[in-house]
Amino acid sequence: MRSMRAVLLALVWAGLGLGAGCAYLPDAADPSRLVCRSDAECAEGQVCFADGCGDPGQNIVVEVTANPKNGLHAQDFPVENLRPQQNLQLFGPATLQGQVRQETLLPTPGNNTTAYSNRVTVSASGESLLIPGVTRRYEGVLVPDNGGYQLAVGAGRFSITLLASELEVPPRVDTRAVEPGQSVALDFLLPAKASLTRLTGKVVRQENLLVAADLEVQAVDEALRPLSQRVPVARGTGEFSLALDPSAARLEHVLVQVTAPRTEDLVPQKTFTVDPRPGVTTPLELGDYGEPVTVLGRVLDREGKPVTEASVYLQGKVGGGGQFRSRSVLTGTEGRFELRSLPSHPDTPLTLYVVPPPEAAAGITLQATPIPRGGTTLPDIVCTNKVSVQGTLLGPDGPPAAGARVVAEPVGQVSGWPRPAVGVEAESPTDENGLYTLRLDPGEYRFDFIPGENLPRVSRFVTVLPAEVQVLAPFTLSKGRRVTGLVSVPTERLQNAPPGAAYASIRFFRVVNVEGKPTAVLLAQTLADSVGNYAATLPTR
């Protein structure tokens, strides 16, 4: 059996003339699972996708985002058999709704809660139910009406957090799955203030020396779920008071996180294990983390030329055992930088991160760097080169595909290297010979080849290994078929709304398993016109 990564490497080796160009996925005897480079390697009627050969009309999910201002957030629709005319009938807004109530120690007859009427923030963070990896987040600041609230959301599986404006009210967290157009009930019950577990204390550097910076503290459990809100530390005294969920009184210990909310305050972050049952804790000491120091340096490439506009920062353990990350600074025209940092822990150097801009030949560089208490001027930091990834893109019938955009999106990392930075786009389209070159850090990527309007985008997974140059086997575009339709909204649920969803965003995904993991690959994206009509080009044989 061979992993998808091994198969992808086989494709790379094939481009170098070192091996065969095709291999099967693990435990897959079906030829439709053949990993491929072009449609010609697939069975009749199949198309070469990123995961292998497959039916271009199957495994498709469409995401439609019609009108967020009117509550029509993302809705997902599985498509069993894609047709040339594919109308999309939307559901009405999906919502989370329910009651926010608070327990009272003076119950009225038949009721021991009261409607909560102060401002709350309700946030829902999660992922599509049907499209793996597509994340969604919605948030609303609401004032419950006699305890009632409602928040419009998209479809998905969410972790929902309610945060009251009163810092003495602990957060409430729950989970829900939301289908398109569905109203999901979710009530929140807040504890009575008199039943809260209260924990007071003081944050100091050492002994009674206070921290000359703004700090915040929050209590969490072992799973890092919040037991209290994040509250400020009184700067003049170092004192704090946390209101924890009543359940915290049954815990032998909780974690108290001390953070500096402003990056310009050079103070480490530290987590303490605290017994909440006495209600008061001994002073939380950040320790002797030293005073801010200046770190100077210069970043060069392998040829000794300055690397400009590189992001540089220090991160790691400092004196007292806390964790610290400096503010990022950019290198200047001579590759020089100056940043402010805390000294490193006596036994553990900080890590210097250098992240050159996407267009630079220099690659991401990490370097263990001791920072003494008096500051330092570092020796020149010489970055390794990015890998020059070269390849050829061909049209459906074999000629070079000129003028196509090539975009590489990181999806993973290779052993011994950090995960690459955000998506990187080729410096220029493919040339008249279909050739392209991207400079990339080692990692796992999804390559998206985006041609003109009459051809569909094509994606491939590629593992970029440490090397000076990596030549990929040629990739071939698929033929395109035009899919049109009308995105319509339920006018009976949206008063005075036209039947078509004007300027709706539509995205077509292929959803399959890659190495046993559900994976979604974008096939096409488009916008509806002013009356809800859309057109998209998708792969065909």
Protein backbone atom coordinates (compact mmCIF):
# COMPACT_ATOMS: atom_id res chain seq x y z
CA MET A 1 0.00 0.00 0.00
CA ARG A 2 1.19 3.49 -0.78
CA SER A 3 0.12 6.75 0.82
CA MET A 4 -1.13 9.69 -1.21
CA ARG A 5 2.10 11.51 -0.36
CA ALA A 6 4.14 8.65 -1.83
CA VAL A 7 2.00 8.72 -4.94
CA LEU A 8 2.50 12.46 -5.31
CA LEU A 9 6.23 11.98 -4.97
CA ALA A 10 6.00 9.37 -7.72
CA LEU A 11 4.46 12.04 -9.93
CA VAL A 12 7.33 14.39 -9.14
CA TRP A 13 9.89 11.67 -9.86
CA ALA A 14 8.11 10.95 -13.12
CA GLY A 15 8.64 14.55 -14.08
CA LEU A 16 12.34 14.02 -13.41
CA GLY A 17 12.38 10.80 -15.41
CA LEU A 18 12.89 8.70 -12.26
CA GLY A 19 9.76 6.57 -12.14
CA ALA A 20 6.37 5.69 -13.48
CA GLY A 21 3.69 8.32 -13.73
CA CYS A 22 0.72 6.52 -12.19
CA ALA A 23 -0.03 4.61 -9.00
CA TYR A 24 -3.06 3.48 -7.06
CA LEU A 25 -4.39 4.81 -3.79
CA PRO A 26 -4.26 2.50 -0.75
CA ASP A 27 -6.63 -0.48 -0.92
CA ALA A 28 -8.16 0.84 -4.13
CA ALA A 29 -8.70 -1.67 -6.88
CA ASP A 30 -11.18 0.54 -8.69
CA PRO A 31 -9.47 2.21 -11.70
CA SER A 32 -11.57 5.30 -11.01
CA ARG A 33 -9.23 5.93 -8.03
CA LEU A 34 -6.16 6.11 -10.26
CA VAL A 35 -3.90 9.04 -9.44
CA CYS A 36 -3.37 10.85 -12.70
CA ARG A 37 -1.92 13.83 -14.53
CA SER A 38 -4.40 14.14 -17.39
CA ASP A 39 -7.86 12.99 -18.44
CA ALA A 40 -6.23 10.70 -21.02
CA GLU A 41 -5.15 8.43 -18.17
CA CYS A 42 -8.75 7.99 -16.97
CA ALA A 43 -11.54 5.72 -18.11
CA GLU A 44 -14.10 6.96 -20.61
CA GLY A 45 -16.31 9.68 -19.21
CA GLN A 46 -13.99 10.37 -16.26
CA VAL A 47 -11.89 13.41 -15.46
CA CYS A 48 -8.53 13.65 -13.71
CA PHE A 49 -9.10 15.39 -10.37
CA ALA A 50 -6.69 16.13 -7.54
CA ASP A 51 -7.64 12.85 -5.85
CA GLY A 52 -7.57 10.76 -9.04
CA CYS A 53 -9.94 9.84 -11.87
CA GLY A 54 -13.64 10.36 -11.20
CA ASP A 55 -17.07 11.11 -12.59
CA PRO A 56 -17.26 14.90 -13.16
CA GLY A 57 -20.95 14.90 -12.26
CA GLN A 58 -20.56 13.20 -8.87
CA ASN A 59 -19.32 14.18 -5.38
CA ILE A 60 -20.18 17.83 -5.91
CA VAL A 61 -21.39 20.22 -3.23
CA VAL A 62 -22.45 23.78 -4.03
CA GLU A 63 -22.09 26.60 -1.50
CA VAL A 64 -24.32 29.63 -1.97
CA THR A 65 -24.05 32.83 0.06
CA ALA A 66 -26.93 35.03 -1.02
CA ASN A 67 -27.40 38.06 1.22
CA PRO A 68 -25.72 38.13 4.64
CA LYS A 69 -27.29 41.51 5.45
CA ASN A 70 -30.72 39.86 5.24
CA GLY A 71 -29.57 36.79 7.16
CA LEU A 72 -29.00 34.61 4.08
CA HIS A 73 -25.60 33.23 4.98
CA ALA A 74 -23.86 30.22 3.45
CA GLN A 75 -26.05 27.27 2.45
CA ASP A 76 -24.70 23.99 1.07
CA PHE A 77 -26.37 21.69 -1.44
CA PRO A 78 -25.17 18.23 -2.50
CA VAL A 79 -25.51 17.62 -6.24
CA GLU A 80 -25.97 13.97 -7.19
CA ASN A 81 -25.99 14.41 -10.95
CA LEU A 82 -24.79 17.72 -12.29
CA ARG A 83 -26.90 19.00 -15.16
CA PRO A 84 -26.29 21.80 -17.69
CA GLN A 85 -29.20 23.69 -16.12
CA GLN A 86 -28.70 23.57 -12.35
CA ASN A 87 -31.14 25.82 -10.52
CA LEU A 88 -30.48 26.43 -6.84
CA GLN A 89 -33.50 26.97 -4.60
CA LEU A 90 -32.39 28.51 -1.34
CA PHE A 91 -33.99 28.06 2.04
CA GLY A 92 -34.79 30.98 4.29
CA PRO A 93 -32.36 32.29 6.91
CA ALA A 94 -30.95 29.79 9.39
CA THR A 95 -30.95 30.97 12.98
CA LEU A 96 -29.92 30.16 16.49
CA GLN A 97 -32.62 31.31 18.86
CA GLY A 98 -33.76 30.79 22.39
CA GLN A 99 -33.83 32.22 25.87
CA VAL A 100 -31.10 33.69 28.04
CA ARG A 101 -32.12 33.29 31.66
CA GLN A 102 -30.34 33.61 34.97
CA GLU A 103 -30.83 31.57 38.11
CA THR A 104 -32.08 33.38 41.15
CA LEU A 105 -31.75 32.42 44.81
CA LEU A 106 -35.16 34.00 45.51
CA PRO A 107 -37.42 31.89 43.30
CA THR A 108 -40.89 33.01 42.45
CA PRO A 109 -43.61 30.37 42.72
CA GLY A 110 -42.95 27.74 40.08
CA ASN A 111 -39.88 29.50 38.71
CA ASN A 112 -36.29 29.84 39.90
CA THR A 113 -34.95 31.85 36.93
CA THR A 114 -35.40 35.31 35.54
CA ALA A 115 -35.04 36.70 32.02
CA TYR A 116 -31.61 38.17 31.36
CA SER A 117 -31.78 41.62 29.77
CA ASN A 118 -28.20 42.93 29.69
CA ARG A 119 -26.13 42.99 26.50
CA VAL A 120 -24.56 39.72 25.38
CA THR A 121 -22.27 38.62 22.55
CA VAL A 122 -23.22 35.37 20.85
CA SER A 123 -20.61 33.85 18.53
CA ALA A 124 -20.78 30.66 16.46
CA SER A 125 -17.53 29.21 15.12
CA GLY A 126 -17.34 26.00 13.13
CA GLU A 127 -17.24 24.28 9.76
CA SER A 128 -19.57 23.37 6.92
CA LEU A 129 -21.51 20.14 7.39
CA LEU A 130 -20.85 19.07 3.81
CA ILE A 131 -17.62 20.79 2.70
CA PRO A 132 -14.59 19.75 4.77
CA GLY A 133 -12.21 22.54 5.65
CA VAL A 134 -14.63 25.38 4.88
CA THR A 135 -14.80 27.31 8.15
CA ARG A 136 -17.54 29.72 9.17
CA ARG A 137 -17.93 32.24 11.96
CA TYR A 138 -20.86 34.45 12.93
CA GLU A 139 -21.21 36.88 15.79
CA GLY A 140 -23.81 39.28 17.07
CA VAL A 141 -23.98 41.76 19.95
CA LEU A 142 -27.54 41.47 21.22
CA VAL A 143 -29.80 42.76 23.94
CA PRO A 144 -32.23 39.94 24.78
CA ASP A 145 -35.90 40.89 24.54
CA ASN A 146 -37.44 39.54 27.74
CA GLY A 147 -34.64 36.97 27.62
CA GLY A 148 -35.15 36.07 23.97
CA TYR A 149 -32.41 36.29 21.35
CA GLN A 150 -31.88 35.33 17.70
CA LEU A 151 -28.71 35.13 15.60
CA ALA A 152 -28.67 34.48 11.85
CA VAL A 153 -26.00 31.95 10.85
CA GLY A 154 -25.01 29.79 7.92
CA ALA A 155 -25.21 26.04 7.74
CA GLY A 156 -22.59 24.17 9.73
CA ARG A 157 -21.52 22.50 12.92
CA PHE A 158 -20.67 25.14 15.49
CA SER A 159 -19.30 25.80 18.92
CA ILE A 160 -21.49 28.58 20.29
CA THR A 161 -20.30 30.94 23.01
CA LEU A 162 -22.39 33.42 24.96
CA LEU A 163 -20.43 36.19 26.63
CA ALA A 164 -22.30 38.61 28.90
CA SER A 165 -21.26 42.24 29.14
CA GLU A 166 -20.99 41.76 32.91
CA LEU A 167 -17.55 40.39 33.68
CA GLU A 168 -18.97 38.57 36.71
CA VAL A 169 -21.03 36.29 34.47
CA PRO A 170 -18.99 33.26 33.30
CA PRO A 171 -19.13 32.33 29.61
CA ARG A 172 -21.56 29.69 28.39
CA VAL A 173 -20.48 27.30 25.61
CA ASP A 174 -22.55 24.75 23.70
CA THR A 175 -22.54 22.98 20.33
CA ARG A 176 -25.16 22.72 17.60
CA ALA A 177 -25.49 21.56 13.99
CA VAL A 178 -27.49 23.89 11.74
CA GLU A 179 -29.06 22.87 8.42
CA PRO A 180 -29.96 25.41 5.71
CA GLY A 181 -33.10 27.33 6.64
CA GLN A 182 -33.31 25.68 10.04
CA SER A 183 -34.16 27.48 13.28
CA VAL A 184 -32.19 25.75 16.02
CA ALA A 185 -33.22 26.16 19.63
CA LEU A 186 -30.47 26.93 22.12
CA ASP A 187 -31.19 28.27 25.59
CA PHE A 188 -28.53 29.62 27.91
CA LEU A 189 -28.87 29.42 31.69
CA LEU A 190 -26.59 31.77 33.58
CA PRO A 191 -25.71 31.02 37.21
CA ALA A 192 -26.88 33.25 40.03
CA LYS A 193 -24.16 35.64 41.10
CA ALA A 194 -24.38 34.40 44.67
CA SER A 195 -23.57 30.83 43.55
CA LEU A 196 -20.40 31.69 41.65
CA THR A 197 -17.01 30.40 42.69
CA ARG A 198 -14.90 33.45 43.34
CA LEU A 199 -11.13 33.53 43.13
CA THR A 200 -9.04 36.54 44.05
CA GLY A 201 -5.33 37.06 43.89
CA LYS A 202 -2.48 39.24 42.78
CA VAL A 203 -0.05 39.23 39.85
CA VAL A 204 3.51 40.31 40.56
CA ARG A 205 6.92 40.03 38.92
CA GLN A 206 8.73 38.86 42.06
CA GLU A 207 7.75 39.19 45.68
CA ASN A 208 5.87 42.52 45.85
CA LEU A 209 7.26 44.07 42.68
CA LEU A 210 4.35 44.95 40.39
CA VAL A 211 4.25 44.59 36.61
CA ALA A 212 4.35 47.96 34.84
CA ALA A 213 1.93 46.94 32.10
CA ASP A 214 -1.73 46.20 31.52
CA LEU A 215 -2.51 42.53 32.22
CA GLU A 216 -5.53 40.24 31.98
CA VAL A 217 -6.32 36.95 33.71
CA GLN A 218 -8.76 34.15 32.90
CA ALA A 219 -9.51 30.78 34.48
CA VAL A 220 -9.83 27.71 32.24
CA ASP A 221 -10.13 23.99 32.86
CA GLU A 222 -7.70 21.26 31.75
CA ALA A 223 -9.31 21.22 28.29
CA LEU A 224 -8.80 25.03 28.09
CA ARG A 225 -12.55 25.64 28.23
CA PRO A 226 -13.23 29.02 29.86
CA LEU A 227 -14.46 28.97 33.45
CA SER A 228 -14.44 32.75 33.77
CA GLN A 229 -14.32 35.78 31.58
CA ARG A 230 -11.01 37.49 30.85
CA VAL A 231 -10.74 40.32 33.38
CA PRO A 232 -8.20 43.11 33.82
CA VAL A 233 -5.59 43.20 36.58
CA ALA A 234 -5.61 46.41 38.60
CA ARG A 235 -2.41 48.08 37.46
CA GLY A 236 -1.83 49.98 40.69
CA THR A 237 -2.13 46.95 42.96
CA GLY A 238 -1.77 43.87 40.74
CA GLU A 239 -5.01 42.51 42.19
CA PHE A 240 -7.69 40.61 40.30
CA SER A 241 -11.01 38.95 41.04
CA LEU A 242 -12.43 36.12 38.95
CA ALA A 243 -16.02 34.90 38.96
CA LEU A 244 -15.95 31.23 37.98
CA ASP A 245 -18.66 28.83 37.08
CA PRO A 246 -20.10 27.18 40.24
CA SER A 247 -18.76 23.81 39.05
CA ALA A 248 -15.22 25.10 39.63
CA ALA A 249 -15.77 24.69 43.38
CA ARG A 250 -15.61 20.91 42.86
CA LEU A 251 -12.29 21.02 41.01
CA GLU A 252 -8.98 20.36 42.72
CA HIS A 253 -7.31 22.88 40.48
CA VAL A 254 -7.91 25.25 37.58
CA LEU A 255 -5.54 26.97 35.20
CA VAL A 256 -5.17 30.74 35.46
CA GLN A 257 -3.73 32.36 32.36
CA VAL A 258 -1.97 35.71 32.67
CA THR A 259 -1.58 37.63 29.40
CA ALA A 260 -0.61 41.09 28.21
CA PRO A 261 -3.30 42.22 25.74
CA ARG A 262 -1.07 44.80 24.06
CA THR A 263 1.86 43.52 22.01
CA GLU A 264 3.83 46.70 22.71
CA ASP A 265 3.97 45.68 26.40
CA LEU A 266 6.97 43.36 26.61
CA VAL A 267 5.61 40.98 29.22
CA PRO A 268 5.56 37.18 29.01
CA GLN A 269 2.44 35.06 29.14
CA LYS A 270 2.27 32.45 31.87
CA THR A 271 -0.18 29.80 33.06
CA PHE A 272 -0.53 28.89 36.73
CA THR A 273 -2.16 25.87 38.37
CA VAL A 274 -4.39 27.13 41.18
CA ASP A 275 -6.66 25.51 43.77
CA PRO A 276 -9.91 27.50 43.52
CA ARG A 277 -11.54 26.12 46.67
CA PRO A 278 -10.03 28.51 49.24
CA GLY A 279 -11.24 31.42 47.10
CA VAL A 280 -7.90 33.20 47.28
CA THR A 281 -4.55 32.25 45.83
CA THR A 282 -0.99 33.10 46.63
CA PRO A 283 0.54 35.80 44.42
CA LEU A 284 1.11 34.68 40.84
CA GLU A 285 4.75 35.45 40.08
CA LEU A 286 5.81 35.99 36.48
CA GLY A 287 9.39 35.75 37.67
CA ASP A 288 12.57 37.56 36.74
CA TYR A 289 12.03 37.94 33.01
CA GLY A 290 14.42 40.86 32.72
CA GLU A 291 14.03 44.23 31.05
CA PRO A 292 13.33 44.89 27.37
CA VAL A 293 16.43 44.84 25.19
CA THR A 294 17.24 45.83 21.63
CA VAL A 295 18.14 43.17 19.06
CA LEU A 296 19.81 44.27 15.82
CA GLY A 297 20.52 42.15 12.79
CA ARG A 298 20.67 41.81 9.03
CA VAL A 299 19.01 39.24 6.76
CA LEU A 300 20.79 38.10 3.60
CA ASP A 301 20.06 35.55 0.91
CA ARG A 302 22.43 32.80 -0.17
CA GLU A 303 24.13 35.20 -2.60
CA GLY A 304 24.81 37.72 0.15
CA LYS A 305 22.16 40.17 -1.04
CA PRO A 306 19.87 41.93 1.48
CA VAL A 307 16.40 40.46 1.95
CA THR A 308 13.97 43.36 2.20
CA GLU A 309 10.41 43.38 3.56
CA ALA A 310 11.02 40.15 5.52
CA SER A 311 9.01 39.74 8.72
CA VAL A 312 11.25 39.06 11.74
CA TYR A 313 10.25 38.18 15.31
CA LEU A 314 11.48 36.25 18.36
CA GLN A 315 9.47 33.69 20.28
CA GLY A 316 10.03 31.25 23.11
CA LYS A 317 10.72 30.82 26.81
CA VAL A 318 12.04 33.67 28.93
CA GLY A 319 13.21 34.08 32.51
CA GLY A 320 10.62 33.03 35.06
CA GLY A 321 9.30 30.30 32.77
CA GLY A 322 6.79 32.36 30.81
CA GLN A 323 6.31 32.40 27.04
CA PHE A 324 7.05 35.50 24.99
CA ARG A 325 6.65 36.64 21.40
CA SER A 326 8.02 39.95 20.22
CA ARG A 327 6.30 42.25 17.78
CA SER A 328 7.12 41.55 14.15
CA VAL A 329 9.30 44.06 12.31
CA LEU A 330 10.18 44.32 8.63
CA THR A 331 13.68 44.41 7.23
CA GLY A 332 14.70 47.57 5.40
CA THR A 333 16.38 48.13 2.05
CA GLU A 334 19.71 46.82 3.39
CA GLY A 335 18.06 43.82 5.05
CA ARG A 336 18.55 45.31 8.51
CA PHE A 337 16.07 45.10 11.36
CA GLU A 338 15.74 46.32 14.91
CA LEU A 339 13.30 44.79 17.34
CA ARG A 340 12.57 44.91 21.04
CA SER A 341 12.60 41.67 22.98
CA LEU A 342 12.91 40.14 26.40
CA PRO A 343 16.11 38.25 27.21
CA SER A 344 15.93 34.51 26.61
CA HIS A 345 15.72 31.95 29.40
CA PRO A 346 19.22 31.13 30.71
CA ASP A 347 18.88 27.50 29.59
CA THR A 348 16.78 27.95 26.44
CA PRO A 349 17.42 30.30 23.50
CA LEU A 350 14.58 32.07 21.79
CA THR A 351 13.72 31.13 18.21
CA LEU A 352 14.26 33.81 15.59
CA TYR A 353 11.71 33.61 12.78
CA VAL A 354 12.48 35.19 9.40
CA VAL A 355 9.63 35.11 6.87
CA PRO A 356 10.66 36.69 3.54
CA PRO A 357 7.95 38.04 1.20
CA PRO A 358 6.44 35.59 -1.31
CA GLU A 359 8.31 37.04 -4.27
CA ALA A 360 11.75 36.72 -2.61
CA ALA A 361 14.14 33.89 -3.49
CA ALA A 362 14.98 33.54 0.20
CA GLY A 363 12.86 31.11 2.22
CA ILE A 364 11.53 30.86 5.76
CA THR A 365 14.38 30.54 8.24
CA LEU A 366 14.27 29.55 11.93
CA GLN A 367 17.33 30.04 14.12
CA ALA A 368 17.95 29.33 17.82
CA THR A 369 19.09 32.68 19.20
CA PRO A 370 20.25 33.40 22.76
CA ILE A 371 19.33 36.96 23.74
CA PRO A 372 21.47 38.33 26.60
CA ARG A 373 20.19 40.82 29.13
CA GLY A 374 22.16 43.65 27.61
CA GLY A 375 20.77 43.16 24.12
CA THR A 376 22.77 42.07 21.12
CA THR A 377 23.73 42.60 17.51
CA LEU A 378 23.28 39.26 15.76
CA PRO A 379 25.61 37.84 13.13
CA ASP A 380 24.14 38.06 9.64
CA ILE A 381 21.20 35.69 9.19
CA VAL A 382 21.59 33.86 5.88
CA CYS A 383 18.33 32.44 4.59
CA THR A 384 18.13 29.25 2.64
CA ASN A 385 16.61 29.61 -0.81
CA LYS A 386 13.05 28.74 -1.56
CA VAL A 387 12.60 25.77 -3.86
CA SER A 388 12.23 26.77 -7.49
CA VAL A 389 9.21 24.68 -8.50
CA GLN A 390 8.94 24.45 -12.27
CA GLY A 391 6.38 22.81 -14.47
CA THR A 392 4.35 22.86 -17.64
CA LEU A 393 0.62 23.29 -18.05
CA LEU A 394 -1.01 21.84 -21.13
CA GLY A 395 -4.39 22.48 -22.70
CA PRO A 396 -7.04 19.73 -22.95
CA ASP A 397 -5.89 18.67 -26.43
CA GLY A 398 -2.17 18.85 -25.73
CA PRO A 399 -0.92 22.34 -26.73
CA PRO A 400 0.64 24.57 -24.06
CA ALA A 401 -1.82 26.49 -21.89
CA ALA A 402 -0.63 30.08 -21.95
CA GLY A 403 -1.90 32.84 -19.69
CA ALA A 404 -3.18 30.62 -16.86
CA ARG A 405 -2.72 31.66 -13.24
CA VAL A 406 -0.91 29.20 -11.00
CA VAL A 407 -1.61 29.47 -7.27
CA ALA A 408 -0.02 27.35 -4.53
CA GLU A 409 -1.93 27.06 -1.25
CA PRO A 410 -0.19 25.39 1.73
CA VAL A 411 -2.11 22.43 3.16
CA GLY A 412 0.57 20.81 5.34
CA GLN A 413 4.22 20.64 6.24
CA VAL A 414 7.09 18.27 5.61
CA SER A 415 9.19 16.83 8.41
CA GLY A 416 11.78 19.21 9.78
CA TRP A 417 10.26 22.35 8.27
CA PRO A 418 7.66 24.80 9.58
CA ARG A 419 4.30 25.00 7.86
CA PRO A 420 4.58 27.44 4.95
CA ALA A 421 3.03 30.87 5.18
CA VAL A 422 -0.25 31.91 3.59
CA GLY A 423 -1.15 31.27 -0.04
CA VAL A 424 1.43 32.21 -2.65
CA GLU A 425 0.59 33.20 -6.19
CA ALA A 426 2.87 32.78 -9.18
CA GLU A 427 4.70 35.94 -10.17
CA SER A 428 3.26 35.76 -13.68
CA PRO A 429 0.85 33.61 -15.70
CA THR A 430 2.11 30.64 -17.64
CA ASP A 431 4.12 31.76 -20.65
CA GLU A 432 3.46 30.94 -24.30
CA ASN A 433 4.97 27.49 -23.75
CA GLY A 434 2.80 26.78 -20.73
CA LEU A 435 5.80 27.07 -18.40
CA TYR A 436 5.52 28.39 -14.86
CA THR A 437 7.90 28.82 -11.93
CA LEU A 438 6.96 29.33 -8.28
CA ARG A 439 9.36 29.93 -5.40
CA LEU A 440 8.08 27.96 -2.42
CA ASP A 441 9.19 26.84 1.00
CA PRO A 442 9.18 23.07 1.58
CA GLY A 443 5.69 21.86 2.42
CA GLU A 444 2.56 20.23 1.10
CA TYR A 445 0.54 22.37 -1.30
CA ARG A 446 -2.56 22.37 -3.40
CA PHE A 447 -1.74 23.78 -6.81
CA ASP A 448 -4.65 25.55 -8.51
CA PHE A 449 -4.36 26.16 -12.25
CA ILE A 450 -6.84 28.85 -13.26
CA PRO A 451 -7.19 29.33 -17.04
CA GLY A 452 -9.50 31.63 -19.01
CA GLU A 453 -13.29 31.68 -18.91
CA ASN A 454 -13.86 28.79 -21.29
CA LEU A 455 -11.84 26.22 -19.32
CA PRO A 456 -12.30 25.04 -15.72
CA ARG A 457 -9.77 25.38 -12.95
CA VAL A 458 -7.73 22.26 -12.16
CA SER A 459 -6.12 21.37 -8.84
CA ARG A 460 -3.34 18.98 -7.86
CA PHE A 461 -1.68 18.13 -4.53
CA VAL A 462 2.10 18.54 -4.59
CA THR A 463 4.75 17.89 -1.96
CA VAL A 464 7.62 20.37 -2.28
CA LEU A 465 10.84 18.91 -0.90
CA PRO A 466 14.01 20.75 0.17
CA ALA A 467 16.01 21.26 -3.02
CA GLU A 468 17.30 24.01 -5.27
CA VAL A 469 14.97 23.07 -8.13
CA GLN A 470 12.01 20.72 -8.31
CA VAL A 471 10.57 19.87 -11.72
CA LEU A 472 6.99 18.64 -11.77
CA ALA A 473 5.52 16.35 -14.36
CA PRO A 474 3.31 18.23 -16.85
CA PHE A 475 -0.31 18.76 -15.81
CA THR A 476 -3.15 18.90 -18.33
CA LEU A 477 -6.29 21.00 -18.13
CA SER A 478 -9.71 19.43 -18.55
CA LYS A 479 -12.29 20.45 -21.07
CA GLY A 480 -15.03 22.65 -19.71
CA ARG A 481 -18.79 22.53 -19.73
CA ARG A 482 -20.98 25.48 -19.01
CA VAL A 483 -23.42 25.12 -16.13
CA THR A 484 -26.08 27.79 -15.75
CA GLY A 485 -29.01 28.33 -13.47
CA LEU A 486 -31.06 30.60 -11.27
CA VAL A 487 -30.41 31.14 -7.59
CA SER A 488 -33.83 31.76 -6.11
CA VAL A 489 -34.92 32.74 -2.62
CA PRO A 490 -38.13 31.81 -0.76
CA THR A 491 -40.12 35.02 -1.18
CA GLU A 492 -42.78 33.82 1.25
CA ARG A 493 -40.20 33.97 4.04
CA LEU A 494 -38.50 37.18 2.92
CA GLN A 495 -40.96 39.99 2.46
CA ASN A 496 -40.54 42.23 -0.60
CA ALA A 497 -37.60 40.11 -1.82
CA PRO A 498 -37.24 39.45 -5.57
CA PRO A 499 -37.32 35.76 -6.55
CA GLY A 500 -33.70 35.78 -7.75
CA ALA A 501 -30.78 36.16 -5.35
CA ALA A 502 -28.93 39.12 -6.84
CA TYR A 503 -25.13 38.91 -6.76
CA ALA A 504 -25.12 35.67 -4.77
CA SER A 505 -21.73 34.02 -4.36
CA ILE A 506 -21.63 30.45 -5.71
CA ARG A 507 -18.80 27.94 -5.24
CA PHE A 508 -18.67 24.38 -6.59
CA PHE A 509 -16.59 21.87 -4.62
CA ARG A 510 -15.61 18.26 -5.22
CA VAL A 511 -15.73 16.40 -1.89
CA VAL A 512 -13.75 13.14 -1.67
CA ASN A 513 -11.46 11.21 0.66
CA VAL A 514 -7.71 11.77 0.41
CA GLU A 515 -5.67 9.37 2.55
CA GLY A 516 -8.90 8.51 4.36
CA LYS A 517 -9.57 12.14 5.24
CA PRO A 518 -12.58 14.02 3.81
CA THR A 519 -11.22 16.74 1.54
CA ALA A 520 -12.85 19.46 -0.55
CA VAL A 521 -11.33 20.91 -3.72
CA LEU A 522 -12.73 24.07 -5.28
CA LEU A 523 -13.88 23.46 -8.89
CA ALA A 524 -15.41 26.83 -9.77
CA GLN A 525 -16.62 30.07 -8.26
CA THR A 526 -18.83 32.75 -9.70
CA LEU A 527 -21.35 35.47 -8.89
CA ALA A 528 -24.98 35.65 -9.89
CA ASP A 529 -26.15 38.66 -11.84
CA SER A 530 -28.66 41.29 -10.74
CA VAL A 531 -31.62 38.91 -11.13
CA GLY A 532 -29.98 35.75 -9.73
CA ASN A 533 -28.75 34.06 -12.93
CA TYR A 534 -25.32 32.50 -12.84
CA ALA A 535 -22.93 30.63 -15.12
CA ALA A 536 -19.90 28.52 -14.19
CA THR A 537 -17.40 26.39 -16.09
CA LEU A 538 -16.79 22.92 -14.62
CA PRO A 539 -14.61 20.02 -15.78
CA THR A 540 -15.90 17.52 -18.33
CA ARG A 541 -14.37 14.80 -20.49
